[in-house]
N, C-alpha and C. Protein backbone atom coordinates (compact mmCIF):
# COMPACT_ATOMS: atom_id res chain seq x y z
N MET A 1 103.42 153.35 156.20
CA MET A 1 102.70 153.99 155.13
C MET A 1 103.76 154.64 154.25
N THR A 2 103.67 154.57 152.94
CA THR A 2 104.49 155.17 151.95
C THR A 2 104.39 156.68 151.89
N ASP A 3 105.38 157.44 151.95
CA ASP A 3 105.33 158.89 151.85
C ASP A 3 105.43 159.20 150.41
N TYR A 4 104.27 159.30 149.71
CA TYR A 4 104.26 159.56 148.28
C TYR A 4 104.82 160.94 147.90
N LYS A 5 104.77 162.00 148.67
CA LYS A 5 105.30 163.28 148.36
C LYS A 5 106.79 163.12 148.35
N ALA A 6 107.36 162.51 149.34
CA ALA A 6 108.89 162.33 149.33
C ALA A 6 109.31 161.57 148.20
N LEU A 7 108.48 160.47 147.79
CA LEU A 7 108.93 159.54 146.71
C LEU A 7 108.87 160.44 145.43
N TYR A 8 107.82 161.20 145.27
CA TYR A 8 107.68 162.10 144.12
C TYR A 8 108.79 163.15 143.94
N ALA A 9 109.15 163.78 145.11
CA ALA A 9 110.29 164.79 145.13
C ALA A 9 111.57 164.13 144.82
N GLU A 10 111.75 162.86 145.19
CA GLU A 10 113.06 162.15 145.02
C GLU A 10 113.21 161.78 143.50
N LYS A 11 112.11 161.71 142.78
CA LYS A 11 112.23 161.31 141.38
C LYS A 11 112.21 162.45 140.44
N LEU A 12 111.94 163.68 140.93
CA LEU A 12 111.91 164.78 140.00
C LEU A 12 113.26 165.14 139.39
N ILE A 13 113.21 165.37 138.05
CA ILE A 13 114.48 165.78 137.47
C ILE A 13 114.10 166.90 136.50
N SER A 14 115.10 167.67 136.04
CA SER A 14 114.82 168.74 135.06
C SER A 14 114.57 168.17 133.75
N ALA A 15 114.03 169.01 132.84
CA ALA A 15 113.75 168.57 131.46
C ALA A 15 115.15 168.22 130.71
N GLU A 16 116.21 169.02 131.08
CA GLU A 16 117.49 168.82 130.51
C GLU A 16 117.98 167.47 130.92
N GLU A 17 117.92 167.11 132.20
CA GLU A 17 118.40 165.85 132.71
C GLU A 17 117.65 164.68 131.98
N LEU A 18 116.33 164.87 131.80
CA LEU A 18 115.58 163.83 131.12
C LEU A 18 116.04 163.71 129.67
N ALA A 19 116.33 164.84 129.00
CA ALA A 19 116.75 164.87 127.65
C ALA A 19 118.08 164.13 127.52
N LYS A 20 118.87 164.11 128.47
CA LYS A 20 120.15 163.41 128.44
C LYS A 20 120.04 161.88 128.30
N GLN A 21 118.90 161.33 128.67
CA GLN A 21 118.68 159.93 128.67
C GLN A 21 118.17 159.36 127.33
N VAL A 22 117.72 160.35 126.45
CA VAL A 22 117.21 159.92 125.11
C VAL A 22 118.36 159.37 124.25
N GLU A 23 118.01 158.20 123.62
CA GLU A 23 119.02 157.64 122.71
C GLU A 23 118.45 157.47 121.23
N SER A 24 119.35 157.24 120.32
CA SER A 24 118.97 157.10 118.94
C SER A 24 117.95 155.87 118.85
N GLY A 25 116.97 156.02 118.03
CA GLY A 25 115.98 155.04 117.74
C GLY A 25 114.86 154.94 118.74
N TRP A 26 114.87 155.77 119.77
CA TRP A 26 113.75 155.72 120.75
C TRP A 26 112.44 156.22 120.10
N ILE A 27 111.35 155.66 120.63
CA ILE A 27 109.98 156.11 120.31
C ILE A 27 109.44 156.76 121.53
N LEU A 28 109.09 158.00 121.42
CA LEU A 28 108.55 158.79 122.49
C LEU A 28 107.09 159.05 122.22
N GLY A 29 106.27 159.10 123.18
CA GLY A 29 104.80 159.37 123.06
C GLY A 29 104.36 160.48 123.92
N MET A 30 103.43 161.24 123.42
CA MET A 30 102.79 162.30 124.21
C MET A 30 101.28 162.17 124.11
N ASP A 31 100.67 162.48 125.22
CA ASP A 31 99.22 162.65 125.36
C ASP A 31 98.69 163.73 124.43
N THR A 32 97.38 163.88 124.60
CA THR A 32 96.72 164.93 123.87
C THR A 32 97.11 166.38 124.18
N ALA A 33 96.79 167.32 123.37
CA ALA A 33 97.25 168.70 123.45
C ALA A 33 97.53 169.29 124.84
N PRO A 34 96.47 169.43 125.57
CA PRO A 34 96.70 170.15 126.86
C PRO A 34 97.62 169.48 127.90
N SER A 35 97.92 168.13 127.60
CA SER A 35 98.71 167.39 128.54
C SER A 35 100.17 167.17 127.98
N GLN A 36 100.53 167.81 126.97
CA GLN A 36 101.79 167.73 126.40
C GLN A 36 102.85 168.56 127.23
N ALA A 37 104.11 168.24 126.99
CA ALA A 37 105.14 168.81 127.82
C ALA A 37 106.16 169.56 126.94
N PRO A 38 105.90 170.81 126.58
CA PRO A 38 106.68 171.58 125.69
C PRO A 38 108.17 171.78 126.24
N ALA A 39 108.29 171.93 127.52
CA ALA A 39 109.62 172.21 128.08
C ALA A 39 110.49 170.87 127.85
N ILE A 40 109.93 169.79 128.07
CA ILE A 40 110.59 168.52 127.85
C ILE A 40 111.00 168.33 126.38
N MET A 41 110.03 168.50 125.52
CA MET A 41 110.25 168.26 124.08
C MET A 41 111.25 169.29 123.62
N ASN A 42 111.22 170.55 124.00
CA ASN A 42 112.20 171.56 123.56
C ASN A 42 113.64 171.14 124.02
N ALA A 43 113.71 170.59 125.29
CA ALA A 43 115.07 170.08 125.81
C ALA A 43 115.55 168.92 125.03
N ILE A 44 114.66 167.98 124.67
CA ILE A 44 115.09 166.85 123.84
C ILE A 44 115.47 167.34 122.51
N ALA A 45 114.67 168.21 121.86
CA ALA A 45 115.02 168.64 120.55
C ALA A 45 116.38 169.40 120.50
N ALA A 46 116.64 170.17 121.50
CA ALA A 46 117.95 170.79 121.62
C ALA A 46 119.10 169.83 121.75
N ARG A 47 118.95 168.87 122.51
CA ARG A 47 119.91 167.74 122.64
C ARG A 47 120.17 167.02 121.30
N VAL A 48 118.99 166.63 120.66
CA VAL A 48 119.08 165.93 119.40
C VAL A 48 119.84 166.74 118.32
N LYS A 49 119.46 167.98 118.20
CA LYS A 49 120.07 168.93 117.25
C LYS A 49 121.66 169.06 117.48
N SER A 50 122.05 168.98 118.72
CA SER A 50 123.48 169.28 119.05
C SER A 50 124.26 167.95 119.21
N SER A 51 123.69 166.83 118.78
CA SER A 51 124.45 165.59 118.92
C SER A 51 124.34 164.71 117.68
N ASP A 52 124.73 163.48 117.79
CA ASP A 52 124.67 162.58 116.60
C ASP A 52 123.51 161.61 116.74
N ILE A 53 122.62 161.96 117.69
CA ILE A 53 121.38 161.09 117.91
C ILE A 53 120.51 161.26 116.63
N LYS A 54 119.95 160.07 116.24
CA LYS A 54 119.14 160.08 115.00
C LYS A 54 117.96 159.08 115.28
N GLY A 55 117.00 159.12 114.44
CA GLY A 55 115.96 158.16 114.43
C GLY A 55 114.98 158.20 115.62
N VAL A 56 115.00 159.30 116.35
CA VAL A 56 113.91 159.54 117.44
C VAL A 56 112.56 159.77 116.85
N GLN A 57 111.65 158.94 117.16
CA GLN A 57 110.23 159.15 116.67
C GLN A 57 109.46 159.77 117.90
N VAL A 58 108.72 160.84 117.63
CA VAL A 58 107.75 161.31 118.67
C VAL A 58 106.40 161.18 118.09
N GLN A 59 105.63 160.36 118.75
CA GLN A 59 104.22 160.17 118.41
C GLN A 59 103.34 161.03 119.36
N THR A 60 102.47 161.89 118.71
CA THR A 60 101.64 162.77 119.45
C THR A 60 100.18 162.32 119.16
N LEU A 61 99.36 162.33 120.15
CA LEU A 61 97.93 161.95 119.96
C LEU A 61 97.23 163.18 119.19
N LEU A 62 97.48 164.38 119.68
CA LEU A 62 96.87 165.51 118.94
C LEU A 62 97.79 166.75 119.42
N ASP A 63 98.45 167.21 118.39
CA ASP A 63 99.37 168.35 118.67
C ASP A 63 98.70 169.63 118.93
N ALA A 64 99.38 170.44 119.74
CA ALA A 64 98.89 171.87 120.06
C ALA A 64 99.99 172.81 120.10
N TYR A 65 101.21 172.44 120.18
CA TYR A 65 102.36 173.31 120.34
C TYR A 65 103.20 173.14 119.02
N PRO A 66 103.94 174.31 118.76
CA PRO A 66 104.85 174.30 117.53
C PRO A 66 106.12 173.52 117.84
N PHE A 67 106.08 172.26 118.10
CA PHE A 67 107.24 171.43 118.34
C PHE A 67 108.23 171.50 117.17
N GLU A 68 109.53 171.47 117.41
CA GLU A 68 110.46 171.58 116.31
C GLU A 68 110.26 170.42 115.27
N PHE A 69 109.97 169.23 115.73
CA PHE A 69 109.85 168.15 114.76
C PHE A 69 108.70 168.27 113.86
N TYR A 70 107.77 169.26 114.18
CA TYR A 70 106.65 169.59 113.21
C TYR A 70 106.84 170.90 112.46
N THR A 71 107.82 171.70 112.93
CA THR A 71 107.99 173.04 112.34
C THR A 71 109.30 173.21 111.51
N ASP A 72 110.27 172.34 111.78
CA ASP A 72 111.63 172.43 111.24
C ASP A 72 111.94 171.21 110.39
N PRO A 73 111.90 171.29 109.03
CA PRO A 73 112.06 170.23 108.13
C PRO A 73 113.49 169.51 108.34
N ASP A 74 114.48 170.39 108.85
CA ASP A 74 115.79 169.79 109.10
C ASP A 74 115.85 168.72 110.17
N MET A 75 114.81 168.69 111.06
CA MET A 75 114.80 167.73 112.06
C MET A 75 114.40 166.31 111.53
N PHE A 76 113.79 166.22 110.34
CA PHE A 76 113.44 164.94 109.81
C PHE A 76 114.55 163.97 109.70
N GLY A 77 114.41 162.81 110.27
CA GLY A 77 115.41 161.72 110.33
C GLY A 77 116.10 161.74 111.64
N LYS A 78 116.31 162.95 112.23
CA LYS A 78 116.94 163.03 113.62
C LYS A 78 115.86 162.91 114.59
N MET A 79 114.82 163.64 114.53
CA MET A 79 113.65 163.66 115.46
C MET A 79 112.46 163.91 114.60
N THR A 80 111.65 162.88 114.31
CA THR A 80 110.52 162.96 113.47
C THR A 80 109.22 162.76 114.17
N GLY A 81 108.27 163.70 113.73
CA GLY A 81 106.94 163.67 114.34
C GLY A 81 106.02 162.72 113.67
N TYR A 82 105.24 161.95 114.44
CA TYR A 82 104.12 161.11 113.93
C TYR A 82 102.88 161.42 114.72
N SER A 83 101.88 161.85 113.95
CA SER A 83 100.63 162.28 114.69
C SER A 83 99.54 161.24 114.44
N TRP A 84 98.88 160.93 115.64
CA TRP A 84 97.75 159.97 115.49
C TRP A 84 96.51 160.66 115.10
N PHE A 85 96.29 161.88 115.49
CA PHE A 85 95.17 162.68 115.22
C PHE A 85 95.58 164.13 115.01
N SER A 86 96.00 164.44 113.78
CA SER A 86 96.73 165.73 113.58
C SER A 86 95.87 166.95 113.62
N SER A 87 96.50 168.00 114.11
CA SER A 87 95.90 169.34 113.92
C SER A 87 96.90 170.16 113.16
N GLY A 88 96.89 171.47 113.31
CA GLY A 88 97.62 172.36 112.45
C GLY A 88 99.04 172.14 112.10
N TYR A 89 99.92 172.06 113.22
CA TYR A 89 101.32 171.91 113.02
C TYR A 89 101.70 170.69 112.39
N ALA A 90 101.10 169.55 112.89
CA ALA A 90 101.40 168.22 112.30
C ALA A 90 100.93 168.12 110.90
N ARG A 91 99.75 168.68 110.65
CA ARG A 91 99.25 168.58 109.25
C ARG A 91 100.09 169.18 108.32
N LYS A 92 100.66 170.41 108.63
CA LYS A 92 101.55 171.18 107.74
C LYS A 92 102.82 170.34 107.48
N ALA A 93 103.35 169.68 108.56
CA ALA A 93 104.59 168.90 108.38
C ALA A 93 104.34 167.56 107.56
N ILE A 94 103.24 167.01 107.84
CA ILE A 94 102.78 165.79 107.08
C ILE A 94 102.63 166.10 105.59
N ASN A 95 102.00 167.17 105.31
CA ASN A 95 101.81 167.61 103.98
C ASN A 95 103.12 168.02 103.26
N GLY A 96 104.08 168.47 104.10
CA GLY A 96 105.34 168.94 103.65
C GLY A 96 106.33 167.82 103.54
N GLY A 97 106.00 166.58 103.97
CA GLY A 97 106.85 165.46 103.85
C GLY A 97 107.85 165.18 104.94
N TRP A 98 107.88 165.97 106.05
CA TRP A 98 108.88 165.82 107.13
C TRP A 98 108.26 165.26 108.39
N ALA A 99 107.02 164.81 108.34
CA ALA A 99 106.37 164.05 109.44
C ALA A 99 105.37 163.11 108.83
N ASP A 100 104.72 162.30 109.65
CA ASP A 100 103.80 161.28 109.18
C ASP A 100 102.67 161.08 109.94
N LEU A 101 101.58 160.46 109.47
CA LEU A 101 100.35 160.23 110.14
C LEU A 101 100.25 158.78 110.58
N LEU A 102 99.85 158.53 111.79
CA LEU A 102 99.59 157.07 112.22
C LEU A 102 98.05 156.93 112.57
N PRO A 103 97.42 156.60 111.58
CA PRO A 103 95.89 156.31 111.85
C PRO A 103 95.74 155.23 112.85
N THR A 104 94.81 155.45 113.72
CA THR A 104 94.53 154.36 114.75
C THR A 104 93.18 154.48 115.36
N TYR A 105 92.84 153.55 116.09
CA TYR A 105 91.62 153.55 116.90
C TYR A 105 91.94 153.75 118.36
N TYR A 106 91.14 154.52 119.05
CA TYR A 106 91.51 154.79 120.54
C TYR A 106 91.68 153.52 121.25
N ARG A 107 91.00 152.46 120.96
CA ARG A 107 91.03 151.17 121.68
C ARG A 107 92.37 150.54 121.59
N ASP A 108 93.10 150.90 120.48
CA ASP A 108 94.45 150.30 120.22
C ASP A 108 95.62 151.08 120.86
N ILE A 109 95.36 152.25 121.37
CA ILE A 109 96.48 153.09 121.97
C ILE A 109 97.20 152.49 123.11
N PRO A 110 96.46 151.98 124.16
CA PRO A 110 97.19 151.38 125.21
C PRO A 110 98.18 150.28 124.87
N ARG A 111 97.79 149.47 123.90
CA ARG A 111 98.63 148.40 123.46
C ARG A 111 99.94 148.89 122.79
N HIS A 112 99.75 149.96 121.97
CA HIS A 112 100.95 150.67 121.34
C HIS A 112 101.87 151.21 122.43
N ILE A 113 101.35 151.81 123.38
CA ILE A 113 102.17 152.47 124.41
C ILE A 113 102.94 151.40 125.14
N ARG A 114 102.23 150.42 125.60
CA ARG A 114 103.01 149.32 126.36
C ARG A 114 104.05 148.63 125.47
N ALA A 115 103.76 148.38 124.18
CA ALA A 115 104.68 147.57 123.35
C ALA A 115 105.73 148.35 122.72
N GLU A 116 105.60 149.66 122.52
CA GLU A 116 106.55 150.38 121.65
C GLU A 116 107.26 151.52 122.30
N TYR A 117 106.78 152.15 123.31
CA TYR A 117 107.43 153.39 123.77
C TYR A 117 108.53 153.20 124.78
N GLU A 118 109.68 153.94 124.54
CA GLU A 118 110.71 153.99 125.53
C GLU A 118 110.33 154.98 126.63
N LEU A 119 109.65 156.08 126.17
CA LEU A 119 109.25 157.10 127.13
C LEU A 119 107.94 157.62 126.76
N SER A 120 107.08 157.74 127.70
CA SER A 120 105.65 158.22 127.48
C SER A 120 105.42 159.44 128.45
N LEU A 121 105.16 160.55 127.80
CA LEU A 121 105.09 161.78 128.55
C LEU A 121 103.49 162.10 128.71
N ILE A 122 103.12 161.89 129.96
CA ILE A 122 101.67 162.15 130.32
C ILE A 122 101.56 163.08 131.42
N HIS A 123 100.47 163.78 131.51
CA HIS A 123 100.25 164.73 132.53
C HIS A 123 99.67 164.02 133.79
N ILE A 124 100.27 164.30 134.94
CA ILE A 124 99.83 163.75 136.22
C ILE A 124 99.74 164.85 137.20
N SER A 125 98.98 164.69 138.16
CA SER A 125 99.00 165.69 139.32
C SER A 125 99.91 165.19 140.39
N GLU A 126 100.27 166.17 141.29
CA GLU A 126 101.11 165.77 142.41
C GLU A 126 100.27 164.80 143.27
N PRO A 127 100.92 163.75 143.80
CA PRO A 127 100.19 162.76 144.61
C PRO A 127 99.61 163.41 145.82
N THR A 128 98.41 163.09 146.13
CA THR A 128 97.78 163.53 147.37
C THR A 128 97.09 162.32 148.04
N ARG A 129 96.67 162.50 149.19
CA ARG A 129 95.95 161.39 149.87
C ARG A 129 94.82 160.84 149.08
N LEU A 130 93.97 161.71 148.44
CA LEU A 130 92.94 161.33 147.67
C LEU A 130 93.33 160.60 146.43
N GLY A 131 94.52 161.04 145.88
CA GLY A 131 95.00 160.35 144.65
C GLY A 131 95.55 158.91 144.93
N MET A 132 95.79 158.59 146.17
CA MET A 132 96.22 157.28 146.49
C MET A 132 95.14 156.30 146.68
N ILE A 133 93.92 156.72 146.74
CA ILE A 133 92.79 155.76 146.99
C ILE A 133 92.47 155.02 145.80
């Protein structure tokens, strides 16, 4: 029987280690507001700002955090936010011209994720026996 807790622990890395893997031109995706990963996005933004990486697109389903790609116009082109269903931060950036809107239907989202994303940040719980059923 597979030891899922050991497998999980073996794959854990820090936000900074994950950020080191991001490359120019990647499309990153995040789930809706409460499932977003601010620590990971902040680490990726810090790496992008301090490197020659450009063209990173971050697609959010519904923003809830003040991510730099929505609050800092200087990130445009290096790390640009694209919102599928915008709220406050994304709307301000879209209206300001340093982010964009991606209108979609919920039914199309799985296809977009499978076809386009290099990295998809989703919220999961620690594996448990019940979670394996």
